[in-house]
C-alpha atoms as a PDB file:
ATOM      1  CA  MET A   1      17.834   5.812   9.407  1.00  0.00           C
ATOM      2  CA  ARG A   2      17.550   2.182   8.217  1.00  0.00           C
ATOM      3  CA  ARG A   3      17.319   0.974   4.646  1.00  0.00           C
ATOM      4  CA  TRP A   4      17.577  -2.192   2.568  1.00  0.00           C
ATOM      5  CA  VAL A   5      20.222  -2.027  -0.153  1.00  0.00           C
ATOM      6  CA  VAL A   6      21.113  -4.051  -3.251  1.00  0.00           C
ATOM      7  CA  LYS A   7      24.891  -3.831  -3.757  1.00  0.00           C
ATOM      8  CA  SER A   8      25.307  -6.497  -6.442  1.00  0.00           C
ATOM      9  CA  PHE A   9      23.038  -8.337  -8.873  1.00  0.00           C
ATOM     10  CA  GLY A  10      21.651 -11.780  -8.107  1.00  0.00           C
ATOM     11  CA  GLU A  11      18.821 -13.469  -6.242  1.00  0.00           C
ATOM     12  CA  PRO A  12      17.334 -11.125  -3.617  1.00  0.00           C
ATOM     13  CA  LYS A  13      18.055 -13.554  -0.776  1.00  0.00           C
ATOM     14  CA  ASP A  14      21.741 -13.336  -1.678  1.00  0.00           C
ATOM     15  CA  VAL A  15      22.153  -9.627  -2.452  1.00  0.00           C
ATOM     16  CA  TRP A  16      19.730  -7.689  -0.227  1.00  0.00           C
ATOM     17  CA  THR A  17      21.378  -6.162   2.856  1.00  0.00           C
ATOM     18  CA  LEU A  18      19.879  -4.241   5.776  1.00  0.00           C
ATOM     19  CA  GLN A  19      21.839  -1.137   6.737  1.00  0.00           C
ATOM     20  CA  ASP A  20      21.442   0.687  10.052  1.00  0.00           C
ATOM     21  CA  HIS A  21      22.450   4.226  11.017  1.00  0.00           C
ATOM     22  CA  VAL A  22      22.461   5.561   7.450  1.00  0.00           C
ATOM     23  CA  GLU A  23      22.587   9.321   6.962  1.00  0.00           C
ATOM     24  CA  SER A  24      19.172  10.908   6.465  1.00  0.00           C
ATOM     25  CA  LEU A  25      18.132  11.862   2.934  1.00  0.00           C
ATOM     26  CA  GLU A  26      17.849  15.465   1.791  1.00  0.00           C
ATOM     27  CA  PRO A  27      15.265  16.401  -0.847  1.00  0.00           C
ATOM     28  CA  GLY A  28      16.547  18.173  -3.937  1.00  0.00           C
ATOM     29  CA  PRO A  29      14.711  20.765  -6.038  1.00  0.00           C
ATOM     30  CA  GLY A  30      11.144  19.670  -6.759  1.00  0.00           C
ATOM     31  CA  GLN A  31      11.385  16.784  -4.285  1.00  0.00           C
ATOM     32  CA  VAL A  32       9.960  15.891  -0.891  1.00  0.00           C
ATOM     33  CA  LYS A  33      11.236  13.657   1.885  1.00  0.00           C
ATOM     34  CA  VAL A  34       8.674  11.174   3.189  1.00  0.00           C
ATOM     35  CA  LYS A  35       8.651   9.270   6.460  1.00  0.00           C
ATOM     36  CA  VAL A  36       7.537   5.859   5.234  1.00  0.00           C
ATOM     37  CA  GLU A  37       4.510   4.169   6.810  1.00  0.00           C
ATOM     38  CA  ALA A  38       4.457   1.268   4.348  1.00  0.00           C
ATOM     39  CA  CYS A  39       5.885   0.401   0.959  1.00  0.00           C
ATOM     40  CA  GLY A  40       5.023  -2.040  -1.779  1.00  0.00           C
ATOM     41  CA  LEU A  41       7.186  -4.810  -3.192  1.00  0.00           C
ATOM     42  CA  GLY A  42       6.550  -6.654  -6.436  1.00  0.00           C
ATOM     43  CA  LEU A  43       8.056  -8.709  -9.214  1.00  0.00           C
ATOM     44  CA  PRO A  44       9.922  -5.642 -10.575  1.00  0.00           C
ATOM     45  CA  ASP A  45      11.952  -5.563  -7.356  1.00  0.00           C
ATOM     46  CA  VAL A  46      12.965  -9.179  -7.947  1.00  0.00           C
ATOM     47  CA  LEU A  47      13.796  -8.504 -11.597  1.00  0.00           C
ATOM     48  CA  MET A  48      15.818  -5.395 -10.730  1.00  0.00           C
ATOM     49  CA  SER A  49      17.839  -7.450  -8.268  1.00  0.00           C
ATOM     50  CA  ARG A  50      18.615  -9.824 -11.152  1.00  0.00           C
ATOM     51  CA  ASP A  51      19.403  -6.913 -13.525  1.00  0.00           C
ATOM     52  CA  ASN A  52      16.498  -8.041 -15.713  1.00  0.00           C
ATOM     53  CA  TYR A  53      14.149  -5.055 -15.687  1.00  0.00           C
ATOM     54  CA  PRO A  54      13.936  -2.065 -18.066  1.00  0.00           C
ATOM     55  CA  LEU A  55      14.161   0.455 -15.208  1.00  0.00           C
ATOM     56  CA  THR A  56      16.908  -1.242 -13.190  1.00  0.00           C
ATOM     57  CA  PRO A  57      18.865   1.505 -11.385  1.00  0.00           C
ATOM     58  CA  PRO A  58      22.646   1.570 -11.052  1.00  0.00           C
ATOM     59  CA  LEU A  59      24.143  -0.147  -8.024  1.00  0.00           C
ATOM     60  CA  PRO A  60      23.758   0.325  -5.144  1.00  0.00           C
ATOM     61  CA  PHE A  61      20.024   0.991  -4.831  1.00  0.00           C
ATOM     62  CA  THR A  62      17.196   0.732  -2.328  1.00  0.00           C
ATOM     63  CA  PRO A  63      14.201  -1.310  -3.588  1.00  0.00           C
ATOM     64  CA  SER A  64      10.497  -0.389  -3.698  1.00  0.00           C
ATOM     65  CA  GLN A  65       9.003   1.822  -6.359  1.00  0.00           C
ATOM     66  CA  GLU A  66       5.973   2.867  -4.292  1.00  0.00           C
ATOM     67  CA  ALA A  67       5.438   4.064  -0.753  1.00  0.00           C
ATOM     68  CA  ALA A  68       2.960   5.765   1.534  1.00  0.00           C
ATOM     69  CA  GLY A  69       3.818   8.080   4.382  1.00  0.00           C
ATOM     70  CA  VAL A  70       4.052  11.622   5.698  1.00  0.00           C
ATOM     71  CA  VAL A  71       5.942  14.491   4.065  1.00  0.00           C
ATOM     72  CA  ILE A  72       8.592  15.668   6.554  1.00  0.00           C
ATOM     73  CA  ALA A  73      10.718  17.985   4.393  1.00  0.00           C
ATOM     74  CA  THR A  74      10.497  19.781   1.058  1.00  0.00           C
ATOM     75  CA  GLY A  75      13.125  20.727  -1.480  1.00  0.00           C
ATOM     76  CA  GLU A  76      13.592  23.951  -3.370  1.00  0.00           C
ATOM     77  CA  GLY A  77      10.504  25.036  -5.273  1.00  0.00           C
ATOM     78  CA  VAL A  78       8.090  22.880  -3.268  1.00  0.00           C
ATOM     79  CA  ASP A  79       5.470  24.447  -1.014  1.00  0.00           C
ATOM     80  CA  GLU A  80       6.360  23.869   2.650  1.00  0.00           C
ATOM     81  CA  ALA A  81       2.632  23.556   3.347  1.00  0.00           C
ATOM     82  CA  LEU A  82       2.980  19.949   2.172  1.00  0.00           C
ATOM     83  CA  ILE A  83       4.866  19.089   5.369  1.00  0.00           C
ATOM     84  CA  GLY A  84       2.640  16.891   7.518  1.00  0.00           C
ATOM     85  CA  THR A  85       0.550  15.713   4.551  1.00  0.00           C
ATOM     86  CA  ARG A  86      -0.002  11.966   4.092  1.00  0.00           C
ATOM     87  CA  VAL A  87       0.794  10.936   0.527  1.00  0.00           C
ATOM     88  CA  VAL A  88       1.330   7.911  -1.684  1.00  0.00           C
ATOM     89  CA  GLY A  89       3.435   7.895  -4.812  1.00  0.00           C
ATOM     90  CA  PRO A  90       6.423   6.606  -6.748  1.00  0.00           C
ATOM     91  CA  THR A  91       9.777   6.763  -5.013  1.00  0.00           C
ATOM     92  CA  LEU A  92      13.090   7.928  -6.440  1.00  0.00           C
ATOM     93  CA  PHE A  93      14.352   4.349  -6.369  1.00  0.00           C
ATOM     94  CA  GLN A  94      16.607   5.072  -9.336  1.00  0.00           C
ATOM     95  CA  ALA A  95      18.455   7.613  -7.177  1.00  0.00           C
ATOM     96  CA  GLN A  96      19.078   5.331  -4.157  1.00  0.00           C
ATOM     97  CA  ALA A  97      15.958   6.634  -2.436  1.00  0.00           C
ATOM     98  CA  GLY A  98      13.484   3.744  -2.764  1.00  0.00           C
ATOM     99  CA  GLY A  99      10.670   3.052  -0.336  1.00  0.00           C
ATOM    100  CA  LEU A 100      12.237   0.169   1.597  1.00  0.00           C
ATOM    101  CA  ALA A 101      13.679   2.520   4.202  1.00  0.00           C
ATOM    102  CA  ASP A 102      12.622   4.711   7.108  1.00  0.00           C
ATOM    103  CA  GLU A 103      12.666   7.648   4.693  1.00  0.00           C
ATOM    104  CA  CYS A 104      12.371   7.945   0.933  1.00  0.00           C
ATOM    105  CA  LEU A 105      12.328  10.708  -1.635  1.00  0.00           C
ATOM    106  CA  MET A 106       9.559  11.505  -4.109  1.00  0.00           C
ATOM    107  CA  ARG A 107       9.044  14.184  -6.717  1.00  0.00           C
ATOM    108  CA  ALA A 108       6.318  16.627  -5.874  1.00  0.00           C
ATOM    109  CA  THR A 109       4.928  16.632  -9.424  1.00  0.00           C
ATOM    110  CA  GLY A 110       5.844  16.196 -13.071  1.00  0.00           C
ATOM    111  CA  ILE A 111       7.180  13.556 -15.416  1.00  0.00           C
ATOM    112  CA  ASP A 112      10.832  12.594 -15.651  1.00  0.00           C
ATOM    113  CA  ASP A 113      12.165  10.323 -18.398  1.00  0.00           C
ATOM    114  CA  GLY A 114       8.631   9.139 -19.095  1.00  0.00           C
ATOM    115  CA  VAL A 115       8.232   7.745 -15.577  1.00  0.00           C
ATOM    116  CA  LEU A 116       5.285   8.997 -13.593  1.00  0.00           C
ATOM    117  CA  SER A 117       6.275  11.121 -10.644  1.00  0.00           C
ATOM    118  CA  GLY A 118       4.040  13.022  -8.300  1.00  0.00           C
ATOM    119  CA  LEU A 119       2.292  12.817  -4.958  1.00  0.00           C
ATOM    120  CA  LEU A 120      -1.268  11.645  -4.447  1.00  0.00           C
ATOM    121  CA  PRO A 121      -3.310  12.379  -1.315  1.00  0.00           C
ATOM    122  CA  ILE A 122      -4.336   9.613   1.076  1.00  0.00           C
ATOM    123  CA  PRO A 123      -7.853   9.847   2.550  1.00  0.00           C
ATOM    124  CA  ASP A 124      -7.911  10.166   6.338  1.00  0.00           C
ATOM    125  CA  GLU A 125      -9.719   6.851   6.683  1.00  0.00           C
ATOM    126  CA  MET A 126      -7.127   4.906   4.650  1.00  0.00           C
ATOM    127  CA  ASN A 127      -4.122   3.468   6.488  1.00  0.00           C
ATOM    128  CA  GLY A 128      -0.582   3.283   5.119  1.00  0.00           C
ATOM    129  CA  VAL A 129      -0.731  -0.415   4.240  1.00  0.00           C
ATOM    130  CA  GLU A 130      -3.895   0.106   2.198  1.00  0.00           C
ATOM    131  CA  ALA A 131      -2.460   3.182   0.476  1.00  0.00           C
ATOM    132  CA  ALA A 132       0.785   1.433  -0.464  1.00  0.00           C
ATOM    133  CA  GLY A 133      -1.235  -1.449  -1.920  1.00  0.00           C
ATOM    134  CA  LEU A 134      -3.350   0.864  -4.047  1.00  0.00           C
ATOM    135  CA  TYR A 135      -0.748   2.707  -6.066  1.00  0.00           C
ATOM    136  CA  VAL A 136       1.111   0.609  -8.686  1.00  0.00           C
ATOM    137  CA  PRO A 137      -1.202  -2.419  -9.099  1.00  0.00           C
ATOM    138  CA  TYR A 138      -4.426  -0.453  -9.329  1.00  0.00           C
ATOM    139  CA  GLN A 139      -2.993   2.331 -11.478  1.00  0.00           C
ATOM    140  CA  THR A 140      -1.740  -0.445 -13.790  1.00  0.00           C
ATOM    141  CA  ALA A 141      -5.098  -2.213 -13.865  1.00  0.00           C
ATOM    142  CA  TRP A 142      -6.951   1.068 -14.475  1.00  0.00           C
ATOM    143  CA  VAL A 143      -4.743   2.055 -17.410  1.00  0.00           C
ATOM    144  CA  ALA A 144      -5.065  -1.438 -18.897  1.00  0.00           C
ATOM    145  CA  LEU A 145      -8.789  -1.963 -18.466  1.00  0.00           C
ATOM    146  CA  VAL A 146     -10.330   1.502 -18.465  1.00  0.00           C
ATOM    147  CA  ARG A 147      -8.052   3.650 -20.598  1.00  0.00           C
ATOM    148  CA  ARG A 148      -6.727   1.056 -23.060  1.00  0.00           C
ATOM    149  CA  ALA A 149      -9.377  -1.686 -23.263  1.00  0.00           C
ATOM    150  CA  LYS A 150     -12.372   0.647 -22.674  1.00  0.00           C
ATOM    151  CA  ILE A 151     -14.048  -1.859 -20.365  1.00  0.00           C
ATOM    152  CA  THR A 152     -17.850  -1.945 -20.106  1.00  0.00           C
ATOM    153  CA  LYS A 153     -20.327  -3.982 -18.095  1.00  0.00           C
ATOM    154  CA  ASP A 154     -20.870  -6.177 -21.172  1.00  0.00           C
ATOM    155  CA  ASP A 155     -17.270  -7.407 -21.251  1.00  0.00           C
ATOM    156  CA  VAL A 156     -15.931 -10.792 -20.238  1.00  0.00           C
ATOM    157  CA  VAL A 157     -12.426 -10.280 -18.862  1.00  0.00           C
ATOM    158  CA  LEU A 158      -9.851 -13.066 -18.614  1.00  0.00           C
ATOM    159  CA  VAL A 159      -7.200 -12.189 -16.022  1.00  0.00           C
ATOM    160  CA  LEU A 160      -3.920 -14.096 -16.139  1.00  0.00           C
ATOM    161  CA  GLY A 161      -1.879 -14.249 -12.942  1.00  0.00           C
ATOM    162  CA  ALA A 162      -5.058 -13.327 -11.114  1.00  0.00           C
ATOM    163  CA  SER A 163      -3.758 -14.143  -7.634  1.00  0.00           C
ATOM    164  CA  GLY A 164      -0.765 -11.822  -8.023  1.00  0.00           C
ATOM    165  CA  SER A 165      -0.488  -8.113  -7.350  1.00  0.00           C
ATOM    166  CA  SER A 166      -1.703  -6.613 -10.632  1.00  0.00           C
ATOM    167  CA  GLY A 167      -3.997  -9.579 -11.301  1.00  0.00           C
ATOM    168  CA  ASN A 168      -5.761  -9.110  -7.986  1.00  0.00           C
ATOM    169  CA  ALA A 169      -6.248  -5.438  -8.840  1.00  0.00           C
ATOM    170  CA  ALA A 170      -7.546  -6.287 -12.316  1.00  0.00           C
ATOM    171  CA  VAL A 171     -10.103  -8.772 -10.975  1.00  0.00           C
ATOM    172  CA  GLN A 172     -11.457  -6.291  -8.450  1.00  0.00           C
ATOM    173  CA  LEU A 173     -11.464  -3.297 -10.793  1.00  0.00           C
ATOM    174  CA  ALA A 174     -13.166  -5.247 -13.589  1.00  0.00           C
ATOM    175  CA  LYS A 175     -15.879  -6.327 -11.157  1.00  0.00           C
ATOM    176  CA  ALA A 176     -16.210  -2.746  -9.908  1.00  0.00           C
ATOM    177  CA  LYS A 177     -16.862  -1.709 -13.524  1.00  0.00           C
ATOM    178  CA  GLY A 178     -19.585  -4.344 -13.837  1.00  0.00           C
ATOM    179  CA  ALA A 179     -17.816  -6.867 -16.088  1.00  0.00           C
ATOM    180  CA  ARG A 180     -17.778 -10.639 -15.819  1.00  0.00           C
ATOM    181  CA  VAL A 181     -14.369 -11.936 -14.714  1.00  0.00           C
ATOM    182  CA  ILE A 182     -12.682 -15.252 -15.423  1.00  0.00           C
ATOM    183  CA  ALA A 183      -9.530 -15.569 -13.315  1.00  0.00           C
ATOM    184  CA  VAL A 184      -6.579 -17.813 -14.150  1.00  0.00           C
ATOM    185  CA  ALA A 185      -4.433 -19.066 -11.270  1.00  0.00           C
ATOM    186  CA  GLY A 186      -2.189 -22.000 -10.406  1.00  0.00           C
ATOM    187  CA  GLY A 187      -3.440 -24.449  -7.782  1.00  0.00           C
ATOM    188  CA  PRO A 188      -6.475 -24.720  -5.496  1.00  0.00           C
ATOM    189  CA  GLN A 189      -5.231 -22.225  -2.882  1.00  0.00           C
ATOM    190  CA  LYS A 190      -4.702 -19.454  -5.418  1.00  0.00           C
ATOM    191  CA  ALA A 191      -7.958 -20.365  -7.147  1.00  0.00           C
ATOM    192  CA  ALA A 192      -9.796 -19.988  -3.837  1.00  0.00           C
ATOM    193  CA  PHE A 193      -8.151 -16.593  -3.323  1.00  0.00           C
ATOM    194  CA  CYS A 194      -9.429 -15.458  -6.725  1.00  0.00           C
ATOM    195  CA  LYS A 195     -12.971 -16.475  -5.830  1.00  0.00           C
ATOM    196  CA  SER A 196     -12.662 -14.606  -2.533  1.00  0.00           C
ATOM    197  CA  ILE A 197     -11.855 -11.327  -4.322  1.00  0.00           C
ATOM    198  CA  GLY A 198     -14.842 -11.594  -6.624  1.00  0.00           C
ATOM    199  CA  ALA A 199     -13.919 -13.614  -9.716  1.00  0.00           C
ATOM    200  CA  ASP A 200     -17.016 -15.137 -11.308  1.00  0.00           C
ATOM    201  CA  GLU A 201     -15.151 -18.221 -12.510  1.00  0.00           C
ATOM    202  CA  VAL A 202     -11.613 -19.515 -12.008  1.00  0.00           C
ATOM    203  CA  ILE A 203      -9.463 -21.609 -14.328  1.00  0.00           C
ATOM    204  CA  ASP A 204      -6.784 -23.629 -12.538  1.00  0.00           C
ATOM    205  CA  ARG A 205      -3.999 -23.634 -15.123  1.00  0.00           C
ATOM    206  CA  LYS A 206      -2.358 -26.603 -13.394  1.00  0.00           C
ATOM    207  CA  GLN A 207      -5.450 -28.737 -13.911  1.00  0.00           C
ATOM    208  CA  GLN A 208      -7.159 -27.201 -16.944  1.00  0.00           C
ATOM    209  CA  ASP A 209      -6.289 -26.068 -20.454  1.00  0.00           C
ATOM    210  CA  ILE A 210      -6.745 -22.291 -20.452  1.00  0.00           C
ATOM    211  CA  THR A 211      -8.027 -22.075 -24.035  1.00  0.00           C
ATOM    212  CA  GLU A 212     -10.513 -24.923 -23.727  1.00  0.00           C
ATOM    213  CA  ALA A 213     -11.794 -23.801 -20.333  1.00  0.00           C
ATOM    214  CA  ALA A 214     -12.254 -20.164 -21.402  1.00  0.00           C
ATOM    215  CA  LEU A 215     -14.109 -21.154 -24.567  1.00  0.00           C
ATOM    216  CA  GLU A 216     -16.327 -23.547 -22.621  1.00  0.00           C
ATOM    217  CA  LEU A 217     -17.186 -20.841 -20.085  1.00  0.00           C
ATOM    218  CA  THR A 218     -18.151 -18.445 -22.897  1.00  0.00           C
ATOM    219  CA  ASP A 219     -20.138 -20.918 -25.032  1.00  0.00           C
ATOM    220  CA  GLY A 220     -17.389 -20.896 -27.640  1.00  0.00           C
ATOM    221  CA  LYS A 221     -17.420 -17.121 -28.143  1.00  0.00           C
ATOM    222  CA  GLY A 222     -14.211 -16.342 -26.263  1.00  0.00           C
ATOM    223  CA  VAL A 223     -13.388 -13.484 -23.918  1.00  0.00           C
ATOM    224  CA  SER A 224     -13.606  -9.849 -24.952  1.00  0.00           C
ATOM    225  CA  ILE A 225     -10.617  -8.647 -22.876  1.00  0.00           C
ATOM    226  CA  VAL A 226      -7.424 -10.412 -21.798  1.00  0.00           C
ATOM    227  CA  PHE A 227      -5.314  -8.863 -19.024  1.00  0.00           C
ATOM    228  CA  ASP A 228      -1.823 -10.350 -19.402  1.00  0.00           C
ATOM    229  CA  PRO A 229       0.924  -9.696 -16.843  1.00  0.00           C
ATOM    230  CA  VAL A 230       2.323 -13.202 -17.386  1.00  0.00           C
ATOM    231  CA  GLY A 231       3.303 -13.783 -21.024  1.00  0.00           C
ATOM    232  CA  GLY A 232       4.694 -17.107 -22.218  1.00  0.00           C
ATOM    233  CA  LYS A 233       2.514 -20.167 -22.787  1.00  0.00           C
ATOM    234  CA  ALA A 234      -0.347 -18.818 -20.690  1.00  0.00           C
ATOM    235  CA  ALA A 235      -0.565 -15.740 -22.903  1.00  0.00           C
ATOM    236  CA  ARG A 236      -0.628 -17.871 -26.060  1.00  0.00           C
ATOM    237  CA  ALA A 237      -3.447 -19.948 -24.618  1.00  0.00           C
ATOM    238  CA  ALA A 238      -5.397 -16.837 -23.623  1.00  0.00           C
ATOM    239  CA  PHE A 239      -4.927 -15.282 -27.047  1.00  0.00           C
ATOM    240  CA  LYS A 240      -6.478 -18.352 -28.671  1.00  0.00           C
ATOM    241  CA  ALA A 241      -9.531 -17.811 -26.468  1.00  0.00           C
ATOM    242  CA  THR A 242      -9.892 -14.123 -27.402  1.00  0.00           C
ATOM    243  CA  ALA A 243     -13.204 -13.265 -29.051  1.00  0.00           C
ATOM    244  CA  PHE A 244     -13.873 -11.508 -32.344  1.00  0.00           C
ATOM    245  CA  GLU A 245     -12.929  -7.835 -31.902  1.00  0.00           C
ATOM    246  CA  GLY A 246     -11.442  -8.675 -28.518  1.00  0.00           C
ATOM    247  CA  ARG A 247      -8.742  -6.636 -26.799  1.00  0.00           C
ATOM    248  CA  PHE A 248      -5.554  -8.346 -25.642  1.00  0.00           C
ATOM    249  CA  VAL A 249      -3.740  -6.099 -23.149  1.00  0.00           C
ATOM    250  CA  VAL A 250      -0.062  -6.806 -22.487  1.00  0.00           C
ATOM    251  CA  ILE A 251       1.153  -5.767 -19.019  1.00  0.00           C
ATOM    252  CA  GLY A 252       4.308  -7.760 -18.333  1.00  0.00           C
ATOM    253  CA  TYR A 253       6.151 -11.054 -18.429  1.00  0.00           C
ATOM    254  CA  ALA A 254       6.066 -12.757 -15.023  1.00  0.00           C
ATOM    255  CA  SER A 255       6.770 -16.051 -16.812  1.00  0.00           C
ATOM    256  CA  GLY A 256      10.117 -14.707 -18.003  1.00  0.00           C
ATOM    257  CA  ASP A 257       8.973 -14.365 -21.610  1.00  0.00           C
ATOM    258  CA  TRP A 258       6.696 -11.869 -23.327  1.00  0.00           C
ATOM    259  CA  ALA A 259       3.529 -12.986 -25.098  1.00  0.00           C
ATOM    260  CA  ARG A 260       4.473 -14.372 -28.523  1.00  0.00           C
ATOM    261  CA  ILE A 261       1.767 -13.118 -30.872  1.00  0.00           C
ATOM    262  CA  ALA A 262       2.386 -12.486 -34.555  1.00  0.00           C
ATOM    263  CA  LEU A 263       0.643  -9.435 -35.954  1.00  0.00           C
ATOM    264  CA  GLU A 264      -1.010 -11.451 -38.702  1.00  0.00           C
ATOM    265  CA  GLU A 265      -2.752 -13.538 -36.028  1.00  0.00           C
ATOM    266  CA  THR A 266      -4.764 -10.492 -34.983  1.00  0.00           C
ATOM    267  CA  VAL A 267      -6.200  -9.834 -38.439  1.00  0.00           C
ATOM    268  CA  LEU A 268      -8.848 -12.493 -39.068  1.00  0.00           C
ATOM    269  CA  LYS A 269     -10.567 -11.922 -35.709  1.00  0.00           C
ATOM    270  CA  ASN A 270      -9.984  -8.148 -35.680  1.00  0.00           C
ATOM    271  CA  ILE A 271      -8.216  -8.435 -32.313  1.00  0.00           C
ATOM    272  CA  SER A 272      -6.645  -5.306 -30.833  1.00  0.00           C
ATOM    273  CA  LEU A 273      -3.206  -5.872 -29.298  1.00  0.00           C
ATOM    274  CA  LEU A 274      -2.592  -3.208 -26.640  1.00  0.00           C
ATOM    275  CA  GLY A 275       0.295  -2.340 -24.356  1.00  0.00           C
ATOM    276  CA  ALA A 276      -0.391  -0.834 -20.943  1.00  0.00           C
ATOM    277  CA  MET A 277       1.772   0.705 -18.234  1.00  0.00           C
ATOM    278  CA  PRO A 278       0.991   3.608 -15.880  1.00  0.00           C
ATOM    279  CA  VAL A 279       3.821   5.842 -17.062  1.00  0.00           C
ATOM    280  CA  GLY A 280       4.007   9.000 -19.148  1.00  0.00           C
ATOM    281  CA  PHE A 281       0.634  10.405 -18.103  1.00  0.00           C
ATOM    282  CA  THR A 282       0.152  13.915 -16.777  1.00  0.00           C
ATOM    283  CA  ALA A 283      -0.277  14.604 -13.071  1.00  0.00           C
ATOM    284  CA  ASP A 284      -3.926  15.536 -13.686  1.00  0.00           C
ATOM    285  CA  GLU A 285      -4.583  12.248 -15.492  1.00  0.00           C
ATOM    286  CA  VAL A 286      -3.011  10.210 -12.711  1.00  0.00           C
ATOM    287  CA  LEU A 287      -4.938  12.131 -10.054  1.00  0.00           C
ATOM    288  CA  ALA A 288      -8.203  11.470 -11.904  1.00  0.00           C
ATOM    289  CA  THR A 289      -7.383   7.752 -11.973  1.00  0.00           C
ATOM    290  CA  HIS A 290      -6.521   7.848  -8.263  1.00  0.00           C
ATOM    291  CA  GLN A 291      -9.812   9.565  -7.448  1.00  0.00           C
ATOM    292  CA  ASP A 292     -11.804   6.964  -9.397  1.00  0.00           C
ATOM    293  CA  LEU A 293     -10.022   4.159  -7.540  1.00  0.00           C
ATOM    294  CA  ILE A 294     -10.578   5.846  -4.174  1.00  0.00           C
ATOM    295  CA  LYS A 295     -14.288   6.161  -4.997  1.00  0.00           C
ATOM    296  CA  HIS A 296     -14.535   2.418  -5.703  1.00  0.00           C
ATOM    297  CA  TRP A 297     -12.670   1.702  -2.442  1.00  0.00           C
ATOM    298  CA  GLN A 298     -14.958   3.974  -0.436  1.00  0.00           C
ATOM    299  CA  GLU A 299     -17.970   2.227  -1.982  1.00  0.00           C
ATOM    300  CA  GLY A 300     -16.566  -1.167  -0.952  1.00  0.00           C
ATOM    301  CA  ALA A 301     -16.014  -2.388  -4.518  1.00  0.00           C
ATOM    302  CA  ILE A 302     -12.236  -2.592  -4.006  1.00  0.00           C
ATOM    303  CA  ASP A 303     -10.788  -4.422  -0.989  1.00  0.00           C
ATOM    304  CA  LEU A 304      -7.271  -3.362   0.013  1.00  0.00           C
ATOM    305  CA  SER A 305      -7.166  -5.501   3.161  1.00  0.00           C
ATOM    306  CA  ASN A 306      -5.993  -8.702   1.447  1.00  0.00           C
ATOM    307  CA  SER A 307      -2.321  -7.747   1.060  1.00  0.00           C
ATOM    308  CA  GLN A 308       0.400  -9.929   2.548  1.00  0.00           C
ATOM    309  CA  VAL A 309       1.993  -7.669   5.151  1.00  0.00           C
ATOM    310  CA  PHE A 310       5.537  -8.075   6.479  1.00  0.00           C
ATOM    311  CA  ASP A 311       7.513  -6.153   9.075  1.00  0.00           C
ATOM    312  CA  PHE A 312      10.485  -4.092   7.906  1.00  0.00           C
ATOM    313  CA  ASP A 313      13.027  -6.526   9.355  1.00  0.00           C
ATOM    314  CA  ASP A 314      11.342  -9.361   7.418  1.00  0.00           C
ATOM    315  CA  ALA A 315      11.637  -7.703   3.994  1.00  0.00           C
ATOM    316  CA  LEU A 316      13.943 -10.489   2.805  1.00  0.00           C
ATOM    317  CA  THR A 317      11.222 -13.041   3.536  1.00  0.00           C
ATOM    318  CA  ALA A 318       8.734 -10.849   1.693  1.00  0.00           C
ATOM    319  CA  VAL A 319      10.767 -10.562  -1.506  1.00  0.00           C
ATOM    320  CA  THR A 320      11.655 -14.270  -1.385  1.00  0.00           C
ATOM    321  CA  HIS A 321       7.930 -15.070  -1.342  1.00  0.00           C
ATOM    322  CA  ILE A 322       7.588 -13.029  -4.527  1.00  0.00           C
ATOM    323  CA  ALA A 323      10.601 -14.677  -6.177  1.00  0.00           C
ATOM    324  CA  ASP A 324       9.243 -18.138  -5.289  1.00  0.00           C
ATOM    325  CA  GLY A 325       5.746 -17.397  -6.625  1.00  0.00           C
ATOM    326  CA  LYS A 326       4.071 -17.750  -3.223  1.00  0.00           C
ATOM    327  CA  VAL A 327       2.229 -14.439  -3.377  1.00  0.00           C
ATOM    328  CA  GLU A 328      -1.508 -13.908  -3.130  1.00  0.00           C
ATOM    329  CA  GLY A 329      -2.404 -10.260  -3.609  1.00  0.00           C
ATOM    330  CA  LYS A 330       0.022  -7.423  -2.958  1.00  0.00           C
ATOM    331  CA  VAL A 331       3.133  -7.677  -0.757  1.00  0.00           C
ATOM    332  CA  ILE A 332       3.469  -4.744   1.635  1.00  0.00           C
ATOM    333  CA  VAL A 333       6.285  -3.966   4.069  1.00  0.00           C
ATOM    334  CA  GLN A 334       5.088  -2.094   7.140  1.00  0.00           C
ATOM    335  CA  LEU A 335       7.354   0.173   9.156  1.00  0.00           C
ATOM    336  CA  ASN A 336       7.063   0.875  12.865  1.00  0.00           C
END
């Protein structure tokens, strides 16, 4: 089989290598082997290559935390009836079995070291590219907005990094739940993308002050929810535009720095500071989230066709686009 491998830490363009004729993987107890149809790439893959991510695996490793495909073998303790089933789920990237390969390994169910593991079914009408684009970004957005922030149709949601993978998911999910969405993006092209996926208003952070623009759009009241996968100065600006009893949800630090918010700053406005990541939940909880997302997709409220899709041989171009901040939506690598 073929696979992409990271053998040393550095910029992806310098350390990612394509290997041919690699020995096929064998699933261990509780695992399945999946023939990959498509896999997702994101900022974590860039950060892992730089050894700057909490879940960076030991060298060497194959990138991609999420993949969609067909179960072709099962390990000990796993029902062989799964063979032939199309699934999406987290890969065993920490065990050199990531999704950026012809085959990957996944756990059939359960939680290991707090990291979600388990297979989710793909509807017959959903293709592999769509399925791979659904998993991590939309599970993340759902945990942040639905489980943590308790979103309602009365909310005004400010989405930082709205043209990126998780931001795109947050915009669409918030709209699916009936909320008003203010997207923040950098430059006219990314702003136009945000409008195309349903954002009610867009703040171009390169041309506008985020705080001033958000307050103006809300008649001085501020936004009730902030979705923050960016951190840094953008997060500070968004926090200053958070309304009384607002919820500020921290997802990540695409800027290279976490949001800098002192606890005492939350007190006077009764702001809730929340962390969100789709890990540690039970298989039943994750399946329920997946089913809710599938329902929105089937109803047309979520569009999974706007991913940037690359061929397997062009994976280096794909990850370089992510590293250079040229991404709109989710980056998917499609296999033949």
